[in-house]
Amino acid sequence: MKVRGAKSPFDGDWPYWSARLGRDPSRPTRVVKLLKRQDGKCGYCGLSFMAEDRMETHHQDGDRTNNANANLVLLHGHCHDQIHSED
């Protein structure tokens, strides 16, 4: 896969590079793995994460003690709020 346009690892777009490379020493490992698994996109709305976006980890089964990878999804902060307001 080619690098998008004039992208650089130093341009501050850590969601893009974390999803692409699968690593970012400045972010928690869990967040980087979720970004890579989700191709840098929100698990709710499907839009790409931007560097300024607030990202939150959502437990799909509602059990915050179940941190199995299959139970976790990374969401925009406002998407996470939307999911919990529907409950």
C-alpha atoms as a PDB file:
ATOM      1  CA  MET A   1       0.000   0.000   0.000  1.00  0.00           C
ATOM      2  CA  LYS A   2       1.412   3.378  -1.004  1.00  0.00           C
ATOM      3  CA  VAL A   3       1.773   6.200   1.472  1.00  0.00           C
ATOM      4  CA  ARG A   4      -0.974   8.801   1.002  1.00  0.00           C
ATOM      5  CA  GLY A   5       0.138  11.953  -0.831  1.00  0.00           C
ATOM      6  CA  ALA A   6       2.796  13.904   1.029  1.00  0.00           C
ATOM      7  CA  LYS A   7       2.434  12.010   4.320  1.00  0.00           C
ATOM      8  CA  SER A   8       5.415  11.904   6.656  1.00  0.00           C
ATOM      9  CA  PRO A   9       5.873  10.091   9.977  1.00  0.00           C
ATOM     10  CA  PHE A  10       6.671  13.504  11.423  1.00  0.00           C
ATOM     11  CA  ASP A  11       3.504  15.301  10.276  1.00  0.00           C
ATOM     12  CA  GLY A  12       1.650  14.696  13.553  1.00  0.00           C
ATOM     13  CA  ASP A  13      -0.965  12.385  12.049  1.00  0.00           C
ATOM     14  CA  TRP A  14      -0.334   9.599  14.559  1.00  0.00           C
ATOM     15  CA  PRO A  15      -3.644   7.770  13.886  1.00  0.00           C
ATOM     16  CA  TYR A  16      -2.632   7.291  10.231  1.00  0.00           C
ATOM     17  CA  TRP A  17       0.879   6.128  11.052  1.00  0.00           C
ATOM     18  CA  SER A  18      -0.180   3.916  13.972  1.00  0.00           C
ATOM     19  CA  ALA A  19      -2.701   2.138  11.753  1.00  0.00           C
ATOM     20  CA  ARG A  20      -0.172   1.870   8.927  1.00  0.00           C
ATOM     21  CA  LEU A  21       2.892   0.816  10.910  1.00  0.00           C
ATOM     22  CA  GLY A  22       1.295  -0.898  13.902  1.00  0.00           C
ATOM     23  CA  ARG A  23       3.429   1.024  16.374  1.00  0.00           C
ATOM     24  CA  ASP A  24       3.662   4.406  18.046  1.00  0.00           C
ATOM     25  CA  PRO A  25       5.766   4.710  21.187  1.00  0.00           C
ATOM     26  CA  SER A  26       3.773   7.747  22.326  1.00  0.00           C
ATOM     27  CA  ARG A  27       0.452   5.865  22.493  1.00  0.00           C
ATOM     28  CA  PRO A  28      -0.756   2.900  24.560  1.00  0.00           C
ATOM     29  CA  THR A  29      -0.150  -0.430  22.830  1.00  0.00           C
ATOM     30  CA  ARG A  30      -3.865  -1.300  23.026  1.00  0.00           C
ATOM     31  CA  VAL A  31      -4.837   1.877  21.131  1.00  0.00           C
ATOM     32  CA  VAL A  32      -2.230   1.239  18.426  1.00  0.00           C
ATOM     33  CA  LYS A  33      -3.368  -2.375  17.968  1.00  0.00           C
ATOM     34  CA  LEU A  34      -7.006  -1.295  17.706  1.00  0.00           C
ATOM     35  CA  LEU A  35      -6.112   1.420  15.180  1.00  0.00           C
ATOM     36  CA  LYS A  36      -4.284  -1.139  13.047  1.00  0.00           C
ATOM     37  CA  ARG A  37      -7.086  -3.700  13.302  1.00  0.00           C
ATOM     38  CA  GLN A  38      -9.675  -1.058  12.389  1.00  0.00           C
ATOM     39  CA  ASP A  39      -7.559   0.480   9.587  1.00  0.00           C
ATOM     40  CA  GLY A  40      -7.517   3.823  11.417  1.00  0.00           C
ATOM     41  CA  LYS A  41     -11.322   4.106  11.395  1.00  0.00           C
ATOM     42  CA  CYS A  42     -13.949   4.490  14.093  1.00  0.00           C
ATOM     43  CA  GLY A  43     -15.766   1.257  14.920  1.00  0.00           C
ATOM     44  CA  TYR A  44     -19.120   3.092  15.010  1.00  0.00           C
ATOM     45  CA  CYS A  45     -19.258   5.706  12.236  1.00  0.00           C
ATOM     46  CA  GLY A  46     -16.490   4.301  10.014  1.00  0.00           C
ATOM     47  CA  LEU A  47     -14.761   7.673   9.556  1.00  0.00           C
ATOM     48  CA  SER A  48     -10.982   7.912   9.810  1.00  0.00           C
ATOM     49  CA  PHE A  49      -9.484   9.174  13.033  1.00  0.00           C
ATOM     50  CA  MET A  50      -7.674  12.505  12.850  1.00  0.00           C
ATOM     51  CA  ALA A  51      -4.850  13.592  15.161  1.00  0.00           C
ATOM     52  CA  GLU A  52      -7.106  16.031  17.037  1.00  0.00           C
ATOM     53  CA  ASP A  53      -9.930  13.503  17.620  1.00  0.00           C
ATOM     54  CA  ARG A  54     -10.664  12.172  21.088  1.00  0.00           C
ATOM     55  CA  MET A  55     -10.575   8.379  20.933  1.00  0.00           C
ATOM     56  CA  GLU A  56     -12.089   6.047  23.488  1.00  0.00           C
ATOM     57  CA  THR A  57     -12.012   2.305  23.936  1.00  0.00           C
ATOM     58  CA  HIS A  58     -15.469   0.728  24.042  1.00  0.00           C
ATOM     59  CA  HIS A  59     -16.268  -2.658  25.606  1.00  0.00           C
ATOM     60  CA  GLN A  60     -18.816  -4.202  23.242  1.00  0.00           C
ATOM     61  CA  ASP A  61     -20.357  -6.486  25.854  1.00  0.00           C
ATOM     62  CA  GLY A  62     -20.639  -3.651  28.411  1.00  0.00           C
ATOM     63  CA  ASP A  63     -18.322  -5.420  30.881  1.00  0.00           C
ATOM     64  CA  ARG A  64     -15.418  -3.070  31.603  1.00  0.00           C
ATOM     65  CA  THR A  65     -13.443  -5.921  33.154  1.00  0.00           C
ATOM     66  CA  ASN A  66     -13.510  -7.936  29.909  1.00  0.00           C
ATOM     67  CA  ASN A  67     -10.449  -6.578  28.111  1.00  0.00           C
ATOM     68  CA  ALA A  68     -10.241  -9.355  25.523  1.00  0.00           C
ATOM     69  CA  ASN A  69      -9.204  -7.941  22.151  1.00  0.00           C
ATOM     70  CA  ALA A  70     -12.366  -9.267  20.514  1.00  0.00           C
ATOM     71  CA  ASN A  71     -14.457  -7.260  22.989  1.00  0.00           C
ATOM     72  CA  LEU A  72     -12.721  -3.912  22.395  1.00  0.00           C
ATOM     73  CA  VAL A  73     -13.324  -1.326  19.707  1.00  0.00           C
ATOM     74  CA  LEU A  74     -11.885   2.169  19.306  1.00  0.00           C
ATOM     75  CA  LEU A  75     -14.419   4.952  18.811  1.00  0.00           C
ATOM     76  CA  HIS A  76     -14.531   8.725  18.461  1.00  0.00           C
ATOM     77  CA  GLY A  77     -15.439  10.264  21.810  1.00  0.00           C
ATOM     78  CA  HIS A  78     -18.762  11.566  20.458  1.00  0.00           C
ATOM     79  CA  CYS A  79     -19.582   8.169  18.913  1.00  0.00           C
ATOM     80  CA  HIS A  80     -18.918   6.510  22.261  1.00  0.00           C
ATOM     81  CA  ASP A  81     -21.270   9.018  23.916  1.00  0.00           C
ATOM     82  CA  GLN A  82     -23.886   8.215  21.260  1.00  0.00           C
ATOM     83  CA  ILE A  83     -23.691   4.469  21.925  1.00  0.00           C
ATOM     84  CA  HIS A  84     -24.122   4.938  25.667  1.00  0.00           C
ATOM     85  CA  SER A  85     -26.995   7.371  25.233  1.00  0.00           C
ATOM     86  CA  GLU A  86     -28.872   4.695  23.235  1.00  0.00           C
ATOM     87  CA  ASP A  87     -28.663   2.184  26.130  1.00  0.00           C
END
